[in-house]
C-alpha atoms as a PDB file:
ATOM      1  CA  MET A   1      87.906  12.251  32.316  1.00  0.00           C
ATOM      2  CA  SER A   2      87.645  11.961  28.350  1.00  0.00           C
ATOM      3  CA  GLU A   3      85.148   8.988  28.474  1.00  0.00           C
ATOM      4  CA  ASN A   4      81.159  10.538  29.456  1.00  0.00           C
ATOM      5  CA  ILE A   5      80.403   8.069  32.481  1.00  0.00           C
ATOM      6  CA  GLN A   6      77.018   8.594  34.196  1.00  0.00           C
ATOM      7  CA  HIS A   7      75.854   6.924  37.304  1.00  0.00           C
ATOM      8  CA  GLY A   8      79.003   4.501  37.079  1.00  0.00           C
ATOM      9  CA  ARG A   9      78.427   3.156  33.104  1.00  0.00           C
ATOM     10  CA  ARG A  10      79.961   4.129  30.229  1.00  0.00           C
ATOM     11  CA  ARG A  11      77.804   5.666  27.570  1.00  0.00           C
ATOM     12  CA  VAL A  12      79.184   5.845  24.176  1.00  0.00           C
ATOM     13  CA  THR A  13      77.426   8.446  21.930  1.00  0.00           C
ATOM     14  CA  PRO A  14      75.077   7.144  19.321  1.00  0.00           C
ATOM     15  CA  THR A  15      76.158   7.430  15.834  1.00  0.00           C
ATOM     16  CA  ARG A  16      73.462   8.573  13.311  1.00  0.00           C
ATOM     17  CA  ARG A  17      72.398   5.828  11.102  1.00  0.00           C
ATOM     18  CA  LYS A  18      72.626   7.517   7.136  1.00  0.00           C
ATOM     19  CA  SER A  19      69.297   6.590   5.078  1.00  0.00           C
ATOM     20  CA  ALA A  20      69.531   4.013   1.878  1.00  0.00           C
ATOM     21  CA  VAL A  21      68.769   6.974  -0.058  1.00  0.00           C
ATOM     22  CA  ARG A  22      71.880   9.078   1.591  1.00  0.00           C
ATOM     23  CA  GLN A  23      73.862   5.913   1.349  1.00  0.00           C
ATOM     24  CA  LEU A  24      73.237   4.721  -2.221  1.00  0.00           C
ATOM     25  CA  TRP A  25      74.103   8.328  -3.407  1.00  0.00           C
ATOM     26  CA  GLU A  26      77.513   8.534  -1.606  1.00  0.00           C
ATOM     27  CA  ALA A  27      78.357   4.789  -2.994  1.00  0.00           C
ATOM     28  CA  ALA A  28      77.641   5.717  -6.426  1.00  0.00           C
ATOM     29  CA  PRO A  29      80.426   6.901  -9.071  1.00  0.00           C
ATOM     30  CA  LYS A  30      79.845  10.559  -9.269  1.00  0.00           C
ATOM     31  CA  PRO A  31      82.622  11.533 -11.854  1.00  0.00           C
ATOM     32  CA  GLY A  32      81.257  14.539 -14.004  1.00  0.00           C
ATOM     33  CA  PRO A  33      78.201  16.349 -14.365  1.00  0.00           C
ATOM     34  CA  VAL A  34      76.813  13.128 -16.241  1.00  0.00           C
ATOM     35  CA  GLY A  35      77.463  10.729 -13.620  1.00  0.00           C
ATOM     36  CA  GLN A  36      75.823  13.332 -11.133  1.00  0.00           C
ATOM     37  CA  ARG A  37      72.744  13.138 -13.431  1.00  0.00           C
ATOM     38  CA  MET A  38      72.882   9.357 -13.917  1.00  0.00           C
ATOM     39  CA  THR A  39      73.022   8.469 -10.101  1.00  0.00           C
ATOM     40  CA  ALA A  40      70.219  10.935 -10.002  1.00  0.00           C
ATOM     41  CA  ILE A  41      68.092   9.232 -11.725  1.00  0.00           C
ATOM     42  CA  ALA A  42      69.035   5.806  -9.993  1.00  0.00           C
ATOM     43  CA  VAL A  43      68.232   7.165  -6.678  1.00  0.00           C
ATOM     44  CA  ALA A  44      65.093   8.534  -8.267  1.00  0.00           C
ATOM     45  CA  GLY A  45      64.124   4.773  -9.699  1.00  0.00           C
ATOM     46  CA  PHE A  46      64.678   3.597  -6.055  1.00  0.00           C
ATOM     47  CA  LEU A  47      62.354   5.762  -4.787  1.00  0.00           C
ATOM     48  CA  LEU A  48      59.724   4.812  -6.908  1.00  0.00           C
ATOM     49  CA  VAL A  49      60.172   1.098  -6.362  1.00  0.00           C
ATOM     50  CA  GLY A  50      60.367   1.725  -2.338  1.00  0.00           C
ATOM     51  CA  MET A  51      56.893   3.393  -2.973  1.00  0.00           C
ATOM     52  CA  GLY A  52      55.105   0.698  -5.028  1.00  0.00           C
ATOM     53  CA  ALA A  53      56.695  -1.770  -2.645  1.00  0.00           C
ATOM     54  CA  SER A  54      55.093   0.430   0.724  1.00  0.00           C
ATOM     55  CA  ASN A  55      51.297  -0.217  -0.976  1.00  0.00           C
ATOM     56  CA  ALA A  56      51.789  -4.248  -1.012  1.00  0.00           C
ATOM     57  CA  ALA A  57      49.298  -5.063   1.560  1.00  0.00           C
ATOM     58  CA  LEU A  58      50.044  -9.111   2.603  1.00  0.00           C
ATOM     59  CA  SER A  59      47.100 -11.475   1.917  1.00  0.00           C
ATOM     60  CA  HIS A  60      46.023 -14.215   4.861  1.00  0.00           C
ATOM     61  CA  ASP A  61      48.601 -16.654   3.283  1.00  0.00           C
ATOM     62  CA  GLY A  62      51.487 -14.250   3.474  1.00  0.00           C
ATOM     63  CA  SER A  63      51.825 -13.685   0.035  1.00  0.00           C
ATOM     64  CA  ALA A  64      51.840  -9.854  -1.012  1.00  0.00           C
ATOM     65  CA  THR A  65      49.171  -8.612  -3.182  1.00  0.00           C
ATOM     66  CA  VAL A  66      49.101  -5.248  -4.135  1.00  0.00           C
ATOM     67  CA  ALA A  67      45.783  -2.954  -3.632  1.00  0.00           C
ATOM     68  CA  PRO A  68      44.116  -1.337  -6.895  1.00  0.00           C
ATOM     69  CA  THR A  69      44.754   2.102  -6.766  1.00  0.00           C
ATOM     70  CA  ALA A  70      40.823   3.857  -7.303  1.00  0.00           C
ATOM     71  CA  ASP A  71      41.454   6.596  -9.294  1.00  0.00           C
ATOM     72  CA  ALA A  72      43.160   4.129 -12.819  1.00  0.00           C
ATOM     73  CA  PRO A  73      41.666   5.088 -15.797  1.00  0.00           C
ATOM     74  CA  VAL A  74      40.262   1.722 -17.850  1.00  0.00           C
ATOM     75  CA  SER A  75      40.223   2.176 -21.325  1.00  0.00           C
ATOM     76  CA  ALA A  76      40.206  -0.124 -24.534  1.00  0.00           C
ATOM     77  CA  PRO A  77      42.765  -0.130 -26.638  1.00  0.00           C
ATOM     78  CA  GLY A  78      42.365   2.465 -29.935  1.00  0.00           C
ATOM     79  CA  ASN A  79      42.788   0.263 -32.561  1.00  0.00           C
ATOM     80  CA  VAL A  80      40.405  -2.358 -31.108  1.00  0.00           C
ATOM     81  CA  PRO A  81      37.718  -2.536 -33.376  1.00  0.00           C
ATOM     82  CA  MET A  82      33.892  -1.960 -31.539  1.00  0.00           C
ATOM     83  CA  ALA A  83      30.801  -3.904 -33.346  1.00  0.00           C
ATOM     84  CA  PHE A  84      27.234  -3.752 -32.154  1.00  0.00           C
ATOM     85  CA  THR A  85      24.598  -5.928 -32.706  1.00  0.00           C
ATOM     86  CA  ARG A  86      20.908  -4.426 -34.006  1.00  0.00           C
ATOM     87  CA  THR A  87      18.144  -6.262 -32.840  1.00  0.00           C
ATOM     88  CA  ASP A  88      14.878  -5.533 -34.668  1.00  0.00           C
ATOM     89  CA  VAL A  89      12.049  -5.448 -31.823  1.00  0.00           C
ATOM     90  CA  LYS A  90       8.627  -6.492 -33.355  1.00  0.00           C
ATOM     91  CA  SER A  91       5.304  -5.349 -31.443  1.00  0.00           C
ATOM     92  CA  SER A  92       3.858  -8.489 -29.539  1.00  0.00           C
ATOM     93  CA  ALA A  93       0.333  -6.368 -29.012  1.00  0.00           C
ATOM     94  CA  ALA A  94      -2.315  -8.494 -30.511  1.00  0.00           C
ATOM     95  CA  PRO A  95      -4.777  -6.578 -33.395  1.00  0.00           C
ATOM     96  CA  ALA A  96      -8.136  -5.532 -31.971  1.00  0.00           C
ATOM     97  CA  ALA A  97     -10.591  -8.028 -31.048  1.00  0.00           C
ATOM     98  CA  THR A  98     -13.859  -7.374 -33.057  1.00  0.00           C
ATOM     99  CA  PRO A  99     -16.880  -7.416 -30.339  1.00  0.00           C
ATOM    100  CA  ASN A 100     -18.759 -10.131 -30.094  1.00  0.00           C
ATOM    101  CA  VAL A 101     -22.616  -9.809 -30.324  1.00  0.00           C
ATOM    102  CA  SER A 102     -24.288 -13.317 -28.677  1.00  0.00           C
ATOM    103  CA  GLY A 103     -27.772 -13.750 -27.845  1.00  0.00           C
ATOM    104  CA  ALA A 104     -30.608 -15.364 -29.330  1.00  0.00           C
ATOM    105  CA  ALA A 105     -29.263 -15.557 -32.424  1.00  0.00           C
ATOM    106  CA  SER A 106     -26.723 -18.066 -31.522  1.00  0.00           C
ATOM    107  CA  GLY A 107     -29.959 -20.502 -30.576  1.00  0.00           C
ATOM    108  CA  VAL A 108     -31.411 -20.168 -33.563  1.00  0.00           C
ATOM    109  CA  GLN A 109     -32.183 -22.102 -36.984  1.00  0.00           C
ATOM    110  CA  VAL A 110     -31.725 -20.934 -40.778  1.00  0.00           C
ATOM    111  CA  LEU A 111     -34.836 -22.270 -42.215  1.00  0.00           C
ATOM    112  CA  GLY A 112     -34.716 -23.105 -45.934  1.00  0.00           C
ATOM    113  CA  ALA A 113     -36.053 -20.685 -48.382  1.00  0.00           C
ATOM    114  CA  ASN A 114     -39.513 -21.361 -49.012  1.00  0.00           C
ATOM    115  CA  GLY A 115     -41.265 -19.496 -51.612  1.00  0.00           C
ATOM    116  CA  GLY A 116     -37.910 -17.352 -52.855  1.00  0.00           C
ATOM    117  CA  ALA A 117     -36.874 -16.018 -49.528  1.00  0.00           C
ATOM    118  CA  VAL A 118     -33.583 -14.389 -49.778  1.00  0.00           C
ATOM    119  CA  ASN A 119     -31.053 -14.161 -46.876  1.00  0.00           C
ATOM    120  CA  ASP A 120     -28.897 -11.611 -47.584  1.00  0.00           C
ATOM    121  CA  PRO A 121     -27.565 -10.088 -44.291  1.00  0.00           C
ATOM    122  CA  ALA A 122     -25.603  -7.379 -45.923  1.00  0.00           C
ATOM    123  CA  GLY A 123     -28.425  -6.311 -48.071  1.00  0.00           C
ATOM    124  CA  ALA A 124     -31.250  -6.515 -44.940  1.00  0.00           C
ATOM    125  CA  ARG A 125     -28.758  -3.625 -42.924  1.00  0.00           C
ATOM    126  CA  ALA A 126     -28.407  -1.690 -46.028  1.00  0.00           C
ATOM    127  CA  TYR A 127     -32.141  -1.253 -46.679  1.00  0.00           C
ATOM    128  CA  ALA A 128     -32.609  -0.984 -42.975  1.00  0.00           C
ATOM    129  CA  ALA A 129     -30.427   2.501 -42.896  1.00  0.00           C
ATOM    130  CA  SER A 130     -32.395   3.298 -46.295  1.00  0.00           C
ATOM    131  CA  VAL A 131     -35.674   3.561 -44.175  1.00  0.00           C
ATOM    132  CA  LEU A 132     -34.465   5.088 -40.950  1.00  0.00           C
ATOM    133  CA  ALA A 133     -35.366   8.712 -42.261  1.00  0.00           C
ATOM    134  CA  SER A 134     -39.027   7.685 -42.927  1.00  0.00           C
ATOM    135  CA  PHE A 135     -39.035   7.032 -38.985  1.00  0.00           C
ATOM    136  CA  GLY A 136     -37.932   9.857 -38.210  1.00  0.00           C
ATOM    137  CA  TRP A 137     -34.732   9.153 -37.188  1.00  0.00           C
ATOM    138  CA  GLY A 138     -30.694   9.566 -38.020  1.00  0.00           C
ATOM    139  CA  GLN A 139     -28.176   6.945 -39.138  1.00  0.00           C
ATOM    140  CA  ASP A 140     -26.603   7.198 -35.573  1.00  0.00           C
ATOM    141  CA  GLN A 141     -29.678   4.775 -34.594  1.00  0.00           C
ATOM    142  CA  MET A 142     -27.440   2.102 -37.195  1.00  0.00           C
ATOM    143  CA  THR A 143     -24.900   2.046 -33.788  1.00  0.00           C
ATOM    144  CA  CYS A 144     -27.972   0.344 -32.061  1.00  0.00           C
ATOM    145  CA  LEU A 145     -30.067  -1.155 -34.688  1.00  0.00           C
ATOM    146  CA  VAL A 146     -27.076  -3.599 -35.742  1.00  0.00           C
ATOM    147  CA  PRO A 147     -25.895  -4.835 -32.684  1.00  0.00           C
ATOM    148  CA  LEU A 148     -29.926  -5.324 -31.932  1.00  0.00           C
ATOM    149  CA  TRP A 149     -30.550  -7.523 -34.844  1.00  0.00           C
ATOM    150  CA  THR A 150     -27.506  -9.719 -34.981  1.00  0.00           C
ATOM    151  CA  GLN A 151     -28.111 -10.706 -31.450  1.00  0.00           C
ATOM    152  CA  GLU A 152     -31.902 -11.567 -32.643  1.00  0.00           C
ATOM    153  CA  SER A 153     -31.148 -13.257 -35.824  1.00  0.00           C
ATOM    154  CA  ASP A 154     -27.974 -12.600 -37.285  1.00  0.00           C
ATOM    155  CA  TRP A 155     -30.118 -10.200 -40.022  1.00  0.00           C
ATOM    156  CA  THR A 156     -31.140 -13.656 -41.322  1.00  0.00           C
ATOM    157  CA  THR A 157     -34.752 -13.552 -42.848  1.00  0.00           C
ATOM    158  CA  THR A 158     -35.212 -17.797 -42.611  1.00  0.00           C
ATOM    159  CA  ALA A 159     -33.955 -17.383 -38.527  1.00  0.00           C
ATOM    160  CA  GLU A 160     -36.272 -19.343 -36.406  1.00  0.00           C
ATOM    161  CA  ASN A 161     -36.065 -20.041 -32.723  1.00  0.00           C
ATOM    162  CA  PRO A 162     -36.581 -23.583 -32.096  1.00  0.00           C
ATOM    163  CA  SER A 163     -38.099 -22.879 -28.560  1.00  0.00           C
ATOM    164  CA  SER A 164     -39.982 -20.178 -29.032  1.00  0.00           C
ATOM    165  CA  LEU A 165     -40.977 -19.786 -32.809  1.00  0.00           C
ATOM    166  CA  ALA A 166     -40.147 -16.279 -33.308  1.00  0.00           C
ATOM    167  CA  TYR A 167     -39.029 -15.342 -36.833  1.00  0.00           C
ATOM    168  CA  GLY A 168     -37.292 -13.479 -39.076  1.00  0.00           C
ATOM    169  CA  ILE A 169     -34.983 -10.554 -39.027  1.00  0.00           C
ATOM    170  CA  ALA A 170     -37.037  -9.263 -35.925  1.00  0.00           C
ATOM    171  CA  GLN A 171     -37.499 -12.021 -34.193  1.00  0.00           C
ATOM    172  CA  SER A 172     -41.300 -11.669 -33.989  1.00  0.00           C
ATOM    173  CA  LEU A 173     -42.955 -13.631 -31.743  1.00  0.00           C
ATOM    174  CA  PRO A 174     -45.967 -14.967 -32.800  1.00  0.00           C
ATOM    175  CA  ALA A 175     -44.659 -14.774 -36.135  1.00  0.00           C
ATOM    176  CA  GLU A 176     -48.043 -14.167 -38.214  1.00  0.00           C
ATOM    177  CA  LYS A 177     -48.309 -10.820 -36.292  1.00  0.00           C
ATOM    178  CA  MET A 178     -45.740  -9.423 -39.724  1.00  0.00           C
ATOM    179  CA  ASP A 179     -48.597 -10.572 -41.881  1.00  0.00           C
ATOM    180  CA  SER A 180     -49.884  -7.143 -40.905  1.00  0.00           C
ATOM    181  CA  THR A 181     -47.182  -5.445 -42.914  1.00  0.00           C
ATOM    182  CA  GLY A 182     -46.950  -7.942 -45.714  1.00  0.00           C
ATOM    183  CA  ALA A 183     -48.016 -11.325 -46.839  1.00  0.00           C
ATOM    184  CA  ASP A 184     -44.763 -12.518 -47.987  1.00  0.00           C
ATOM    185  CA  TRP A 185     -43.537 -11.802 -44.273  1.00  0.00           C
ATOM    186  CA  LYS A 186     -41.906 -15.454 -44.399  1.00  0.00           C
ATOM    187  CA  ASN A 187     -39.429 -15.018 -47.245  1.00  0.00           C
ATOM    188  CA  ASN A 188     -39.026 -10.699 -48.083  1.00  0.00           C
ATOM    189  CA  TYR A 189     -36.373  -9.017 -45.764  1.00  0.00           C
ATOM    190  CA  GLN A 190     -38.021  -5.693 -46.615  1.00  0.00           C
ATOM    191  CA  THR A 191     -41.203  -6.504 -45.154  1.00  0.00           C
ATOM    192  CA  GLN A 192     -39.963  -8.334 -41.951  1.00  0.00           C
ATOM    193  CA  ILE A 193     -37.452  -4.663 -41.441  1.00  0.00           C
ATOM    194  CA  GLN A 194     -40.863  -2.466 -42.023  1.00  0.00           C
ATOM    195  CA  TRP A 195     -42.388  -4.401 -39.161  1.00  0.00           C
ATOM    196  CA  GLY A 196     -39.229  -4.464 -36.940  1.00  0.00           C
ATOM    197  CA  LEU A 197     -38.908  -1.128 -37.310  1.00  0.00           C
ATOM    198  CA  ASP A 198     -43.021  -0.466 -36.163  1.00  0.00           C
ATOM    199  CA  TYR A 199     -42.524  -2.313 -33.679  1.00  0.00           C
ATOM    200  CA  ILE A 200     -39.373  -0.421 -32.219  1.00  0.00           C
ATOM    201  CA  GLN A 201     -41.246   2.904 -32.738  1.00  0.00           C
ATOM    202  CA  ASN A 202     -44.227   1.934 -31.126  1.00  0.00           C
ATOM    203  CA  ARG A 203     -42.757   0.287 -28.135  1.00  0.00           C
ATOM    204  CA  TYR A 204     -39.339   2.082 -27.286  1.00  0.00           C
ATOM    205  CA  GLY A 205     -39.479   5.555 -29.377  1.00  0.00           C
ATOM    206  CA  SER A 206     -35.843   4.180 -31.592  1.00  0.00           C
ATOM    207  CA  PRO A 207     -33.600   1.439 -32.034  1.00  0.00           C
ATOM    208  CA  CYS A 208     -31.653   2.855 -29.485  1.00  0.00           C
ATOM    209  CA  GLY A 209     -34.178   2.734 -26.585  1.00  0.00           C
ATOM    210  CA  ALA A 210     -34.824  -1.413 -27.519  1.00  0.00           C
ATOM    211  CA  TRP A 211     -31.044  -1.703 -27.558  1.00  0.00           C
ATOM    212  CA  GLN A 212     -30.759  -0.481 -24.392  1.00  0.00           C
ATOM    213  CA  HIS A 213     -33.603  -2.783 -23.233  1.00  0.00           C
ATOM    214  CA  GLU A 214     -31.997  -6.284 -24.804  1.00  0.00           C
ATOM    215  CA  THR A 215     -28.669  -5.294 -22.807  1.00  0.00           C
ATOM    216  CA  ALA A 216     -30.414  -4.911 -19.378  1.00  0.00           C
ATOM    217  CA  MET A 217     -33.204  -7.554 -19.944  1.00  0.00           C
ATOM    218  CA  ASN A 218     -31.719 -10.134 -23.149  1.00  0.00           C
ATOM    219  CA  TRP A 219     -34.850  -9.555 -25.174  1.00  0.00           C
ATOM    220  CA  TYR A 220     -36.998  -6.682 -26.065  1.00  0.00           C
END
């Protein structure tokens, strides 16, 4: 029997289906080497298009979206000029503040220059520095004496505390105690400084000893 029959039913041997690439190759004219080369190029283009289409993905609305290639480099064209803006940065740090010394000096009043009194804080500080050695102290003691008497009187000859009536650069209390050094104690800052340094030496040993007491007790 020429037909292939299995279990009473005719079975037809299936015909193998040719691929789209094969069909394209056979259908394309190939008159010679040039034609064959052109056909090969067309087939290659068909394959590339097919591969690109296979990478497409359907979005939720059914439209095709092409997934981005992860390794595709992104670069700017070489002929595009690039400009950079320079920003000047200024320091916002504030200058170091000068320490303020406050205390009795903020509550004293400057009396009139009776009898030729001289209020010369800079001159008074210079004089004090010049006589430290006569008391056996070095210039390092000025680092304590300056804030001490700045806090007491701001180095003002006629400074008087209206509450206690302490007087002068060293704020002698009572004021008349400075008479032991000179009768001109009301007006002469040199007399006041000599008395004040003598007082500090006898009671505290040094200006730094007096300043330590001042910072602890707010008086000396």
